[in-house]
Protein backbone atom coordinates (compact mmCIF):
# COMPACT_ATOMS: atom_id res chain seq x y z
CA MET A 1 7.56 -31.57 33.03
CA ILE A 2 5.89 -30.01 30.01
CA ASN A 3 6.26 -26.27 29.73
CA PHE A 4 2.87 -25.00 28.52
CA GLU A 5 4.29 -21.56 27.65
CA LYS A 6 6.61 -23.13 25.07
CA ILE A 7 3.77 -25.21 23.58
CA ILE A 8 1.57 -22.13 23.31
CA GLY A 9 4.53 -20.19 21.90
CA TRP A 10 5.16 -22.77 19.16
CA THR A 11 1.43 -22.87 18.38
CA LEU A 12 1.26 -19.09 18.06
CA LEU A 13 4.41 -19.04 15.93
CA PHE A 14 2.99 -21.57 13.46
CA LEU A 15 -0.44 -19.91 13.48
CA GLY A 16 1.09 -16.56 12.56
CA ILE A 17 3.17 -18.14 9.79
CA VAL A 18 0.11 -19.93 8.41
CA ILE A 19 -1.87 -16.66 8.35
CA ILE A 20 0.93 -14.90 6.49
CA ILE A 21 1.44 -17.72 3.97
CA TYR A 22 -2.29 -18.08 3.28
CA THR A 23 -2.66 -14.33 2.72
CA LEU A 24 0.32 -14.22 0.36
CA TYR A 25 -0.93 -17.27 -1.55
CA PHE A 26 -4.43 -15.81 -1.97
CA SER A 27 -2.95 -12.45 -3.03
CA PHE A 28 -0.74 -14.20 -5.57
CA ASN A 29 -3.79 -15.96 -7.01
CA ILE A 30 -5.67 -12.66 -7.25
CA PHE A 31 -2.87 -10.88 -9.06
CA THR A 32 -2.33 -13.77 -11.47
CA THR A 33 -6.12 -13.78 -12.15
CA LYS A 34 -6.61 -17.34 -10.87
CA ALA A 35 -9.00 -15.94 -8.24
CA THR A 36 -11.07 -12.80 -7.92
CA PRO A 37 -10.80 -10.43 -4.98
CA PRO A 38 -13.66 -10.40 -2.50
CA GLU A 39 -16.45 -8.30 -3.97
CA ILE A 40 -17.12 -5.43 -1.61
CA PHE A 41 -18.00 -2.79 -4.18
CA LYS A 42 -20.59 -3.75 -6.79
CA VAL A 43 -21.98 -2.04 -9.85
CA ALA A 44 -25.70 -1.49 -9.66
CA GLN A 45 -27.36 -3.00 -12.69
CA LYS A 46 -29.03 -0.34 -14.77
CA GLN A 47 -32.55 -1.00 -15.85
CA GLU A 48 -33.34 -0.19 -19.42
CA PRO A 49 -35.27 3.06 -19.57
CA LEU A 50 -38.70 3.13 -21.06
CA PRO A 51 -38.67 3.89 -24.76
CA LYS A 52 -38.57 7.60 -25.28
CA LYS A 53 -40.27 9.47 -28.00
CA GLU A 54 -38.37 9.72 -31.23
CA VAL A 55 -35.76 12.45 -31.28
CA LYS A 56 -36.56 15.11 -33.79
CA PRO A 57 -33.78 16.23 -36.10
CA LEU A 58 -33.95 19.67 -34.51
CA ASP A 59 -33.13 18.28 -31.04
CA ILE A 60 -29.36 18.44 -31.55
CA GLU A 61 -28.57 18.81 -27.84
CA ALA A 62 -30.18 15.47 -26.97
CA GLN A 63 -28.35 13.77 -29.83
CA MET A 64 -25.01 15.20 -28.69
CA GLU A 65 -25.62 14.00 -25.09
CA LYS A 66 -26.36 10.53 -26.38
CA ILE A 67 -23.23 10.44 -28.57
CA ILE A 68 -20.98 11.75 -25.78
CA GLY A 69 -22.44 9.23 -23.30
CA GLU A 70 -21.72 6.36 -25.68
CA GLN A 71 -18.16 7.59 -26.24
CA LEU A 72 -17.50 7.84 -22.49
CA LYS A 73 -18.75 4.29 -21.98
CA GLY A 74 -16.27 3.13 -24.62
CA MET A 75 -13.34 4.90 -22.96
CA LEU A 76 -14.04 3.93 -19.34
CA PRO A 77 -16.15 0.79 -18.82
CA THR A 78 -18.51 0.91 -15.86
CA ASP A 79 -16.93 -2.05 -14.05
CA VAL A 80 -13.38 -0.63 -13.88
CA LEU A 81 -13.87 1.51 -10.77
CA PRO A 82 -15.45 -1.24 -8.60
CA LYS A 83 -12.72 -3.70 -9.64
CA LEU A 84 -10.05 -1.17 -8.69
CA LEU A 85 -11.72 -0.46 -5.34
CA ASN A 86 -12.01 -4.21 -4.65
CA LEU A 87 -8.28 -4.67 -5.35
CA ILE A 88 -7.38 -1.74 -3.11
CA SER A 89 -9.61 -3.00 -0.29
CA TRP A 90 -8.13 -6.52 -0.57
CA SER A 91 -4.61 -5.07 -0.51
CA ILE A 92 -5.38 -3.15 2.68
CA PHE A 93 -6.97 -6.22 4.28
CA ALA A 94 -4.03 -8.41 3.22
CA GLY A 95 -1.66 -5.91 4.81
CA ILE A 96 -3.64 -6.05 8.04
CA LEU A 97 -3.60 -9.88 7.98
CA ILE A 98 0.15 -10.01 7.37
CA PHE A 99 0.76 -7.49 10.15
CA GLY A 100 -1.48 -9.50 12.50
CA GLY A 101 0.26 -12.76 11.57
CA ALA A 102 3.62 -11.15 12.28
CA GLN A 103 2.42 -9.94 15.67
CA ILE A 104 1.06 -13.39 16.57
CA SER A 105 4.34 -15.01 15.52
CA ASN A 106 6.31 -12.42 17.50
CA LEU A 107 4.26 -13.22 20.59
CA GLY A 108 4.95 -16.92 20.05
CA ILE A 109 8.69 -16.27 19.75
CA LYS A 110 8.64 -14.31 23.01
CA LEU A 111 6.90 -17.20 24.80
CA ILE A 112 9.41 -19.71 23.37
CA LYS A 113 12.37 -17.65 24.59
CA LYS A 114 11.07 -17.52 28.17
């Protein structure tokens, strides 16, 4: 007679292993830049402002703000923070998937041992 608990146990064991392997494979592709992480955080596209009036030579404060803004953009590009947050969120999600796959496989092992 077929023991359905053992069949379900083997199915759960393989399902958990497949979840873990798929997650590790996708993570490997992300960290070797063959794939991009899921995009959860996005950079809002800035619209070009309307042309302002010409800056007078006496308006030094406005010129300094413009120069400092350009320098900051050169040091820290605007897309760095969303990319970092996307990697962190994928890492957390991958950890949850691996933990879930391990729990599913553990349940399958328990059913096999019965």
